Amino acid sequence: MRTRTSRQGFTLIELLVVIAIIAILIGLLLPAVQKVRESAARMSCTNNLKQWGLAVHNYHDTKGEFPAPRAWVTVSGTTYVGGYTTGYWIYVPATDQSVGGWMTRCLPFVEQDNILRPVTSSTSTAQVTTEFNKMLNTRVKIFSCPSDSLATGAAASGAAVTSYLGVTGNDEREGSDATNGVFAVYTWAQSSSHRPTKMTSITDGTSNTVMVGERPPSSDLYWGWWAYSDSDNILAHPNRETYTVSGCNGNEVFRQDRPSNARAACHYWSMHVGGGNWLLADGSVRFITYNNAGIISQMASMNGGEIASLP
């Protein structure tokens, strides 16, 4: 005959001790998990920039020049270059030059030609507008850094944003973009001609020149539209612009900021810890800390003769 034996359960104190131990272990493990996630996101961000580097170089190999940062068009023998934030010229036939900025021109070189083709196939100005807006609203993984919490969103208009901005140079003056960087722009005074930047223009050396840097879009997602230009996907360093993003102090440099600050769009920065990724003109990517902002200012020009050395 079997007898039923009594089992004694855990006491309340024992349960509390076990819960406390589990909580401590989770607390110890969480920072490690976050570090691993950030490390993976930073590596993915680096790979994105390497792909852009390859795209820009392949574009240059094909076209003999770097992609123009602003939209431009030639009508009856006269060339017109877009001004602030110009996205496209309402002109048919549309081309990969008359719409968007440097990212738009590189689409075929990042296997995204299907995004641009409907625009360049437009047969009326109304269709150009419609198809351009569709293109503008298209989000592609390579446009944004996984660490950038703002770049996962879209503007109220639906416009997709980017984490990466082309460097226009370091000679910017009040009211215009710089003109001595890889993505040098054309001011209003120069708008009657299109002067491409070529590899031979980088006399400072491709390993001493920054080409693209990180900057999350503005907190309201109004600045950072990938298919537009000034303060959207190109910026000078230092940035002396005060006419686009509201509140810029006229001397903005690479420094830490926070996603909620509307003025953070005035300068290069990233959501990585301690610095950000930069694409150099030789196609390499370097993680540069904020205390090297002065070196970035020197490396922003392609022909200034500055002697810059990254640690």
Protein backbone atom coordinates (compact mmCIF):
# COMPACT_ATOMS: atom_id res chain seq x y z
CA MET A 1 0.00 0.00 0.00
CA ARG A 2 1.48 3.34 -1.11
CA THR A 3 1.32 6.27 1.22
CA ARG A 4 1.01 9.86 -0.05
CA THR A 5 3.97 11.97 1.08
CA SER A 6 3.57 15.70 1.55
CA ARG A 7 5.67 18.17 -0.55
CA GLN A 8 6.81 21.40 0.92
CA GLY A 9 6.69 24.41 -1.53
CA PHE A 10 8.94 27.48 -1.73
CA THR A 11 8.58 30.03 0.98
CA LEU A 12 7.79 33.63 0.11
CA ILE A 13 11.31 34.69 1.09
CA GLU A 14 12.85 32.08 -1.23
CA LEU A 15 10.67 33.28 -4.11
CA LEU A 16 11.68 36.87 -3.49
CA VAL A 17 15.36 35.91 -3.42
CA VAL A 18 15.04 34.06 -6.76
CA ILE A 19 13.21 37.03 -8.33
CA ALA A 20 15.89 39.40 -7.03
CA ILE A 21 18.67 37.26 -8.51
CA ILE A 22 16.91 37.13 -11.89
CA ALA A 23 16.44 40.92 -11.85
CA ILE A 24 20.14 41.42 -11.10
CA LEU A 25 21.16 39.08 -13.92
CA ILE A 26 18.87 40.88 -16.37
CA GLY A 27 20.31 44.21 -15.24
CA LEU A 28 23.82 42.94 -15.88
CA LEU A 29 22.92 41.40 -19.22
CA LEU A 30 20.93 44.31 -20.70
CA PRO A 31 23.89 46.71 -21.23
CA ALA A 32 25.81 43.91 -22.92
CA VAL A 33 22.89 43.20 -25.28
CA GLN A 34 22.58 46.91 -26.06
CA LYS A 35 26.31 47.09 -26.82
CA VAL A 36 26.05 44.15 -29.20
CA ARG A 37 23.05 45.74 -30.94
CA GLU A 38 24.81 49.08 -31.32
CA SER A 39 27.95 47.36 -32.59
CA ALA A 40 25.89 45.55 -35.23
CA ALA A 41 24.04 48.78 -36.16
CA ARG A 42 27.31 50.69 -36.45
CA MET A 43 28.76 47.97 -38.69
CA SER A 44 25.64 48.07 -40.89
CA CYS A 45 25.95 51.86 -41.07
CA THR A 46 29.59 51.49 -42.12
CA ASN A 47 28.58 49.06 -44.85
CA ASN A 48 25.94 51.51 -46.12
CA LEU A 49 28.57 54.21 -46.49
CA LYS A 50 30.94 51.80 -48.23
CA GLN A 51 28.18 51.05 -50.74
CA TRP A 52 27.69 54.77 -51.33
CA GLY A 53 31.45 55.09 -51.81
CA LEU A 54 31.41 52.38 -54.44
CA ALA A 55 28.38 53.99 -56.10
CA VAL A 56 30.02 57.41 -56.29
CA HIS A 57 33.24 55.96 -57.68
CA ASN A 58 31.39 53.81 -60.22
CA TYR A 59 29.41 56.87 -61.25
CA HIS A 60 32.67 58.75 -61.78
CA ASP A 61 34.13 55.87 -63.78
CA THR A 62 31.05 55.87 -66.01
CA LYS A 63 30.39 59.60 -66.36
CA GLY A 64 33.88 61.03 -65.87
CA GLU A 65 32.73 63.24 -62.98
CA PHE A 66 31.19 63.05 -59.53
CA PRO A 67 27.38 63.29 -59.28
CA ALA A 68 26.12 66.87 -59.15
CA PRO A 69 24.61 67.73 -55.75
CA ARG A 70 21.81 69.87 -57.22
CA ALA A 71 19.37 69.35 -60.07
CA TRP A 72 20.30 71.13 -63.28
CA VAL A 73 18.93 71.36 -66.80
CA THR A 74 19.98 72.85 -70.14
CA VAL A 75 17.27 74.67 -72.09
CA SER A 76 17.99 76.26 -75.48
CA GLY A 77 21.73 76.20 -74.83
CA THR A 78 21.54 77.77 -71.34
CA THR A 79 22.23 75.67 -68.25
CA TYR A 80 20.25 76.36 -65.07
CA VAL A 81 21.38 74.99 -61.70
CA GLY A 82 18.87 74.60 -58.89
CA GLY A 83 19.03 76.77 -55.81
CA TYR A 84 18.13 75.99 -52.23
CA THR A 85 16.40 72.62 -51.72
CA THR A 86 15.53 72.25 -55.39
CA GLY A 87 14.21 68.76 -56.00
CA TYR A 88 13.49 68.82 -59.71
CA TRP A 89 12.97 70.96 -62.77
CA ILE A 90 9.49 70.79 -64.25
CA TYR A 91 10.88 70.06 -67.66
CA VAL A 92 10.44 67.28 -70.22
CA PRO A 93 12.30 65.17 -71.00
CA ALA A 94 13.40 64.61 -67.41
CA THR A 95 16.86 63.11 -66.89
CA ASP A 96 18.89 61.79 -63.98
CA GLN A 97 20.45 65.29 -63.87
CA SER A 98 17.28 67.39 -63.86
CA VAL A 99 15.81 65.72 -60.77
CA GLY A 100 17.07 65.13 -57.24
CA GLY A 101 20.60 65.37 -55.95
CA TRP A 102 23.72 63.22 -55.77
CA MET A 103 21.84 60.26 -54.24
CA THR A 104 19.32 60.29 -57.08
CA ARG A 105 22.09 60.14 -59.68
CA CYS A 106 23.69 57.21 -57.87
CA LEU A 107 20.49 55.11 -57.75
CA PRO A 108 21.48 52.93 -60.75
CA PHE A 109 24.79 52.21 -58.99
CA VAL A 110 23.12 50.90 -55.83
CA GLU A 111 20.77 48.68 -57.84
CA GLN A 112 17.81 51.04 -57.42
CA ASP A 113 17.37 52.22 -61.01
CA ASN A 114 13.72 51.14 -60.84
CA ILE A 115 13.04 54.08 -58.50
CA LEU A 116 14.34 56.66 -60.97
CA ARG A 117 13.12 55.15 -64.24
CA PRO A 118 9.43 56.26 -63.94
CA VAL A 119 10.60 59.88 -63.57
CA THR A 120 12.95 59.83 -66.55
CA SER A 121 10.24 58.08 -68.61
CA SER A 122 7.70 60.84 -67.99
CA THR A 123 6.17 62.39 -71.10
CA SER A 124 4.59 65.50 -69.51
CA THR A 125 5.53 67.99 -66.81
CA ALA A 126 2.53 66.88 -64.74
CA GLN A 127 3.80 63.31 -64.87
CA VAL A 128 7.29 64.47 -63.84
CA THR A 129 5.82 66.01 -60.70
CA THR A 130 3.73 62.94 -59.90
CA GLU A 131 6.54 60.45 -60.44
CA PHE A 132 9.10 62.58 -58.61
CA ASN A 133 6.89 62.69 -55.52
CA LYS A 134 6.50 58.92 -55.68
CA MET A 135 10.28 58.61 -55.85
CA LEU A 136 10.72 61.05 -52.98
CA ASN A 137 8.41 58.97 -50.79
CA THR A 138 10.31 55.74 -51.46
CA ARG A 139 12.33 54.44 -48.55
CA VAL A 140 15.42 52.31 -49.19
CA LYS A 141 17.48 50.61 -46.48
CA ILE A 142 20.78 52.02 -47.72
CA PHE A 143 19.56 55.62 -47.17
CA SER A 144 19.54 55.39 -43.38
CA CYS A 145 21.79 54.30 -40.52
CA PRO A 146 20.19 51.62 -38.29
CA SER A 147 21.26 53.62 -35.21
CA ASP A 148 19.33 56.64 -36.47
CA SER A 149 15.92 56.51 -34.77
CA LEU A 150 14.65 59.50 -36.79
CA ALA A 151 15.48 58.05 -40.21
CA THR A 152 12.96 55.26 -39.75
CA GLY A 153 10.13 57.79 -40.08
CA ALA A 154 8.75 59.88 -42.93
CA ALA A 155 7.86 63.55 -43.15
CA ALA A 156 4.23 64.67 -42.93
CA SER A 157 4.31 64.95 -46.72
CA GLY A 158 5.45 61.34 -46.93
CA ALA A 159 9.00 62.24 -47.96
CA ALA A 160 11.60 59.62 -47.06
CA VAL A 161 14.70 60.83 -45.22
CA THR A 162 18.39 59.97 -45.08
CA SER A 163 21.16 59.81 -42.48
CA TYR A 164 23.96 60.64 -44.94
CA LEU A 165 24.98 64.04 -46.32
CA GLY A 166 27.50 64.86 -49.03
CA VAL A 167 30.23 67.32 -48.02
CA THR A 168 30.22 70.55 -50.05
CA GLY A 169 33.50 71.84 -48.59
CA ASN A 170 34.72 74.27 -45.92
CA ASP A 171 34.71 77.66 -47.70
CA GLU A 172 31.02 78.35 -47.17
CA ARG A 173 29.97 81.95 -46.63
CA GLU A 174 26.72 83.34 -45.32
CA GLY A 175 23.91 82.58 -47.76
CA SER A 176 25.60 79.96 -49.95
CA ASP A 177 27.02 76.46 -49.80
CA ALA A 178 30.71 75.63 -49.93
CA THR A 179 32.38 75.24 -53.31
CA ASN A 180 35.61 73.34 -52.59
CA GLY A 181 34.34 69.89 -51.54
CA VAL A 182 33.60 66.72 -53.49
CA PHE A 183 29.93 67.78 -53.68
CA ALA A 184 30.64 71.46 -54.32
CA VAL A 185 27.49 73.35 -55.29
CA TYR A 186 26.81 76.20 -57.65
CA THR A 187 25.70 79.49 -56.13
CA TRP A 188 23.14 81.77 -57.72
CA ALA A 189 25.96 83.79 -59.24
CA GLN A 190 27.28 80.66 -60.95
CA SER A 191 23.90 79.26 -61.97
CA SER A 192 24.43 79.78 -65.69
CA SER A 193 26.96 76.96 -65.94
CA HIS A 194 27.45 73.39 -64.77
CA ARG A 195 31.00 72.72 -63.62
CA PRO A 196 31.47 69.09 -62.62
CA THR A 197 33.89 67.93 -59.94
CA LYS A 198 36.35 65.28 -61.07
CA MET A 199 38.83 62.98 -59.37
CA THR A 200 41.66 65.20 -60.57
CA SER A 201 40.06 68.06 -58.60
CA ILE A 202 40.99 66.32 -55.31
CA THR A 203 44.52 67.66 -55.07
CA ASP A 204 44.64 67.20 -51.29
CA GLY A 205 44.50 63.43 -51.82
CA THR A 206 41.50 61.13 -51.65
CA SER A 207 42.58 59.70 -48.28
CA ASN A 208 42.72 63.23 -46.83
CA THR A 209 39.27 64.35 -48.03
CA VAL A 210 35.88 63.54 -46.47
CA MET A 211 33.10 62.95 -48.96
CA VAL A 212 29.99 61.95 -46.96
CA GLY A 213 29.17 62.27 -43.26
CA GLU A 214 26.37 61.29 -40.92
CA ARG A 215 23.58 63.61 -39.82
CA PRO A 216 20.14 62.44 -38.73
CA PRO A 217 17.17 64.33 -40.20
CA SER A 218 15.62 67.16 -38.19
CA SER A 219 13.28 66.23 -35.35
CA ASP A 220 10.25 67.30 -37.41
CA LEU A 221 11.59 65.34 -40.44
CA TYR A 222 11.40 68.49 -42.55
CA TRP A 223 15.16 68.52 -43.29
CA GLY A 224 16.81 65.35 -44.52
CA TRP A 225 14.73 64.45 -47.60
CA TRP A 226 17.05 62.22 -49.63
CA ALA A 227 15.94 63.47 -53.06
CA TYR A 228 16.42 67.19 -52.33
CA SER A 229 19.61 69.20 -51.82
CA ASP A 230 20.69 71.99 -49.45
CA SER A 231 20.53 70.94 -45.78
CA ASP A 232 18.70 67.80 -46.93
CA ASN A 233 21.52 65.64 -48.28
CA ILE A 234 24.42 68.09 -48.62
CA LEU A 235 26.09 70.27 -45.99
CA ALA A 236 29.33 72.18 -45.48
CA HIS A 237 31.74 71.78 -42.57
CA PRO A 238 31.71 74.11 -40.83
CA ASN A 239 28.14 74.89 -41.84
CA ARG A 240 27.58 78.65 -42.01
CA GLU A 241 24.08 78.37 -43.46
CA THR A 242 21.34 80.29 -41.63
CA TYR A 243 18.73 80.53 -44.39
CA THR A 244 17.48 76.95 -44.43
CA VAL A 245 17.31 75.21 -41.05
CA SER A 246 15.93 77.65 -38.48
CA GLY A 247 18.19 78.58 -35.58
CA CYS A 248 21.60 77.70 -37.05
CA ASN A 249 24.29 79.87 -35.46
CA GLY A 250 26.38 80.33 -38.63
CA ASN A 251 29.34 78.29 -37.41
CA GLU A 252 28.08 74.73 -36.89
CA VAL A 253 30.59 71.90 -36.56
CA PHE A 254 30.63 68.15 -35.96
CA ARG A 255 29.44 67.62 -32.37
CA GLN A 256 27.10 65.54 -30.23
CA ASP A 257 23.40 66.43 -30.19
CA ARG A 258 20.02 64.92 -29.37
CA PRO A 259 17.17 63.76 -31.64
CA SER A 260 14.64 66.13 -30.04
CA ASN A 261 16.66 69.26 -30.82
CA ALA A 262 15.31 70.95 -33.95
CA ARG A 263 18.67 72.72 -34.46
CA ALA A 264 20.56 69.42 -34.59
CA ALA A 265 20.02 69.44 -38.36
CA CYS A 266 22.43 72.39 -38.56
CA HIS A 267 25.53 70.22 -38.25
CA TYR A 268 26.99 66.77 -38.78
CA TRP A 269 26.50 64.31 -35.92
CA SER A 270 25.32 60.75 -35.35
CA MET A 271 23.42 58.62 -32.85
CA HIS A 272 26.50 56.47 -32.28
CA VAL A 273 28.39 56.99 -29.03
CA GLY A 274 31.29 59.42 -29.17
CA GLY A 275 31.40 60.24 -32.87
CA GLY A 276 30.20 59.24 -36.32
CA ASN A 277 31.11 57.45 -39.54
CA TRP A 278 32.65 59.38 -42.41
CA LEU A 279 33.17 58.25 -46.00
CA LEU A 280 36.49 59.39 -47.42
CA ALA A 281 37.04 60.17 -51.08
CA ASP A 282 39.17 57.02 -51.47
CA GLY A 283 36.10 54.92 -50.61
CA SER A 284 37.17 53.99 -47.08
CA VAL A 285 35.01 54.63 -44.01
CA ARG A 286 36.40 55.95 -40.74
CA PHE A 287 34.71 56.37 -37.37
CA ILE A 288 35.80 59.83 -36.20
CA THR A 289 35.28 61.16 -32.68
CA TYR A 290 33.80 64.58 -31.94
CA ASN A 291 37.06 65.96 -30.56
CA ASN A 292 38.43 65.77 -34.13
CA ALA A 293 35.94 68.30 -35.54
CA GLY A 294 38.85 70.60 -36.42
CA ILE A 295 40.42 67.90 -38.57
CA ILE A 296 37.07 67.36 -40.31
CA SER A 297 37.05 71.07 -41.19
CA GLN A 298 40.43 70.65 -42.88
CA MET A 299 39.44 67.44 -44.66
CA ALA A 300 36.18 68.93 -45.94
CA SER A 301 38.02 70.72 -48.76
CA MET A 302 39.49 68.76 -51.66
CA ASN A 303 42.01 71.34 -52.83
CA GLY A 304 42.90 73.62 -49.93
CA GLY A 305 46.38 72.25 -49.35
CA GLU A 306 45.61 71.42 -45.70
CA ILE A 307 47.70 68.76 -44.01
CA ALA A 308 45.28 66.64 -42.00
CA SER A 309 46.01 63.41 -40.16
CA LEU A 310 43.40 61.34 -38.41
CA PRO A 311 44.44 59.58 -35.19
